[in-house]
């Protein structure tokens, strides 16, 4: 078990950030987000494992691999709204998971208003762009601190 490792996992189409629908997702690239996550983790004396995949089964495997970590920051993309498999993986792994969305999903199409992941996530952050990852890492870091 490592209370100093956070897995930042990204789902389908996030590899296209920076050019994909910049009106919704902005011009920040996934590489920019990774650098931001690494800088944020360093401030909290944490290590980051950072991955992106377009394949649901690989994302399930990545969640399983995060067992014993301090937490998972998960932007599952469209799988948020469709994947019982990811929900089950989060539950089975037992690793505190923060669901992150770059856009405010509740201000978008109605099908995006439902998440299979939210009920098993420790928390949900949406609508703050790349800063959502920073907030999620900070929340996980705060969860390991003992308050006197």
Protein backbone atom coordinates (compact mmCIF):
# COMPACT_ATOMS: atom_id res chain seq x y z
CA UNK A 1 0.00 0.00 0.00
CA UNK A 2 1.33 3.44 -0.87
CA UNK A 3 -0.24 6.53 0.58
CA UNK A 4 1.98 8.69 -1.60
CA UNK A 5 0.80 7.57 -5.06
CA UNK A 6 -2.13 8.95 -7.01
CA UNK A 7 -3.19 7.34 -10.29
CA UNK A 8 -4.53 9.86 -12.81
CA UNK A 9 -6.52 7.92 -15.38
CA UNK A 10 -8.04 9.33 -18.55
CA UNK A 11 -10.51 7.69 -20.87
CA UNK A 12 -11.53 7.91 -24.51
CA UNK A 13 -10.75 10.88 -26.72
CA UNK A 14 -8.82 12.75 -24.04
CA UNK A 15 -5.67 12.16 -26.10
CA UNK A 16 -7.18 14.73 -28.51
CA UNK A 17 -7.38 17.53 -25.96
CA UNK A 18 -6.10 20.83 -27.30
CA UNK A 19 -7.69 20.29 -30.70
CA UNK A 20 -10.92 18.43 -29.88
CA UNK A 21 -13.87 20.81 -29.56
CA UNK A 22 -11.87 23.68 -28.04
CA UNK A 23 -15.09 25.60 -27.41
CA UNK A 24 -16.01 22.95 -24.84
CA UNK A 25 -12.67 21.55 -23.67
CA UNK A 26 -10.30 24.47 -24.26
CA UNK A 27 -6.85 24.34 -25.79
CA UNK A 28 -5.03 22.66 -22.90
CA UNK A 29 -3.48 19.38 -24.04
CA UNK A 30 -3.32 16.13 -22.12
CA UNK A 31 0.46 16.67 -21.85
CA UNK A 32 -0.27 20.06 -20.23
CA UNK A 33 -2.63 18.34 -17.77
CA UNK A 34 -0.03 15.71 -16.97
CA UNK A 35 2.57 18.41 -16.22
CA UNK A 36 0.03 20.24 -14.04
CA UNK A 37 -0.74 17.01 -12.16
CA UNK A 38 2.94 16.27 -11.60
CA UNK A 39 3.58 19.81 -10.31
CA UNK A 40 0.56 19.61 -8.00
CA UNK A 41 1.59 16.20 -6.71
CA UNK A 42 5.10 17.45 -5.97
CA UNK A 43 3.63 20.24 -3.82
CA UNK A 44 1.89 17.56 -1.76
CA UNK A 45 4.89 15.19 -1.76
CA UNK A 46 3.00 12.68 -3.88
CA UNK A 47 3.93 10.60 -6.92
CA UNK A 48 1.73 10.40 -10.01
CA UNK A 49 1.00 7.47 -12.28
CA UNK A 50 -0.57 9.03 -15.39
CA UNK A 51 -2.33 7.09 -18.17
CA UNK A 52 -4.79 7.56 -21.00
CA UNK A 53 -6.59 4.91 -23.02
CA UNK A 54 -9.45 4.75 -25.47
CA UNK A 55 -10.27 1.18 -24.39
CA UNK A 56 -12.70 0.39 -21.59
CA UNK A 57 -11.05 -2.87 -20.56
CA UNK A 58 -7.65 -1.19 -20.26
CA UNK A 59 -9.20 1.45 -18.02
CA UNK A 60 -10.64 -1.33 -15.83
CA UNK A 61 -7.16 -2.89 -15.62
CA UNK A 62 -5.67 0.50 -14.65
CA UNK A 63 -8.22 0.91 -11.85
CA UNK A 64 -7.34 -2.57 -10.58
CA UNK A 65 -3.63 -1.66 -10.70
CA UNK A 66 -4.33 1.34 -8.46
CA UNK A 67 -5.36 -0.87 -5.52
CA UNK A 68 -3.49 0.24 -2.43
CA UNK A 69 -2.73 3.73 -3.78
CA UNK A 70 -3.77 6.90 -1.98
CA UNK A 71 -6.35 7.46 -4.69
CA UNK A 72 -7.44 7.66 -8.28
CA UNK A 73 -8.33 10.77 -10.25
CA UNK A 74 -10.54 9.48 -13.04
CA UNK A 75 -11.75 11.31 -16.11
CA UNK A 76 -13.55 8.43 -17.78
CA UNK A 77 -14.90 10.62 -20.59
CA UNK A 78 -17.98 9.15 -22.24
CA UNK A 79 -17.59 5.91 -20.28
CA UNK A 80 -18.89 7.86 -17.28
CA UNK A 81 -22.35 7.69 -18.81
CA UNK A 82 -22.26 4.12 -20.09
CA UNK A 83 -19.93 1.84 -18.14
CA UNK A 84 -21.15 -0.47 -15.42
CA UNK A 85 -17.77 -2.22 -15.78
CA UNK A 86 -15.92 0.90 -14.60
CA UNK A 87 -18.36 1.34 -11.73
CA UNK A 88 -17.75 -2.25 -10.66
CA UNK A 89 -13.97 -1.83 -10.99
CA UNK A 90 -14.02 1.23 -8.72
CA UNK A 91 -16.09 -0.65 -6.15
CA UNK A 92 -13.91 -3.77 -6.35
CA UNK A 93 -10.61 -1.89 -6.11
CA UNK A 94 -11.69 0.01 -3.03
CA UNK A 95 -9.33 2.89 -3.83
CA UNK A 96 -10.76 6.36 -3.14
CA UNK A 97 -11.68 7.73 -6.55
CA UNK A 98 -12.42 11.30 -7.57
CA UNK A 99 -14.46 11.60 -10.77
CA UNK A 100 -13.29 14.59 -12.84
CA UNK A 101 -14.81 16.27 -15.91
CA UNK A 102 -13.32 19.23 -17.72
CA UNK A 103 -16.72 20.62 -18.69
CA UNK A 104 -19.82 21.08 -16.58
CA UNK A 105 -21.66 17.94 -17.67
CA UNK A 106 -24.91 19.29 -16.18
CA UNK A 107 -24.85 22.24 -18.59
CA UNK A 108 -24.58 19.90 -21.56
CA UNK A 109 -26.75 17.27 -23.27
CA UNK A 110 -29.20 15.44 -20.97
CA UNK A 111 -27.51 12.05 -21.50
CA UNK A 112 -24.38 13.48 -19.83
CA UNK A 113 -26.31 14.28 -16.64
CA UNK A 114 -26.16 10.66 -15.47
CA UNK A 115 -22.99 9.04 -14.17
CA UNK A 116 -22.60 5.38 -13.35
CA UNK A 117 -19.45 6.32 -11.45
CA UNK A 118 -20.62 9.08 -9.10
CA UNK A 119 -22.38 6.77 -6.61
CA UNK A 120 -19.13 4.87 -5.96
CA UNK A 121 -16.76 7.85 -6.17
CA UNK A 122 -15.41 9.69 -3.13
CA UNK A 123 -16.24 12.96 -4.90
CA UNK A 124 -17.02 14.58 -8.23
CA UNK A 125 -15.45 17.71 -9.74
CA UNK A 126 -16.76 19.14 -13.00
CA UNK A 127 -16.64 22.36 -14.96
CA UNK A 128 -13.27 23.76 -13.85
CA UNK A 129 -11.23 22.55 -16.82
CA UNK A 130 -7.73 21.31 -16.03
CA UNK A 131 -8.00 22.84 -12.54
CA UNK A 132 -10.37 19.99 -11.69
CA UNK A 133 -7.37 17.65 -11.65
CA UNK A 134 -5.53 20.00 -9.26
CA UNK A 135 -8.54 20.10 -6.95
CA UNK A 136 -8.86 16.30 -7.02
CA UNK A 137 -5.19 15.73 -6.17
CA UNK A 138 -5.36 18.29 -3.37
CA UNK A 139 -8.48 16.60 -1.95
CA UNK A 140 -6.81 13.20 -1.98
CA UNK A 141 -3.67 14.67 -0.36
CA UNK A 142 -5.80 16.26 2.37
CA UNK A 143 -7.53 12.95 3.04
CA UNK A 144 -4.27 11.37 4.24
CA UNK A 145 -3.50 14.07 6.77
CA UNK A 146 -4.37 13.39 10.36
CA UNK A 147 -6.18 16.22 12.07
CA UNK A 148 -5.29 16.54 15.79
